[in-house]
């Protein structure tokens, strides 16, 4: 019975050590991420604005697109 108890203790200690190691790694990663400078947040806004601007131009060029079929002029047969 004593042997089993010692084995159990050893396993628990190993588990605790493993958890502590992973926690240390995660904390180090968080600290490293905090030290990095944040990228400028304006970039995505300009991209979406440009996309909105160009949508109408694309429709005029390609009347085959499904969203443009209503506005596309069908040539007479």
Foldseek 3Di string as FASTA:
>chain_A
DVVVVVVVVVVVVVVVVVVVVVVVVVVVVVVVVVPDDDDDPCVVVVVVVVVVVCPVVVLVVDVVDPVNVVVDDDDDD
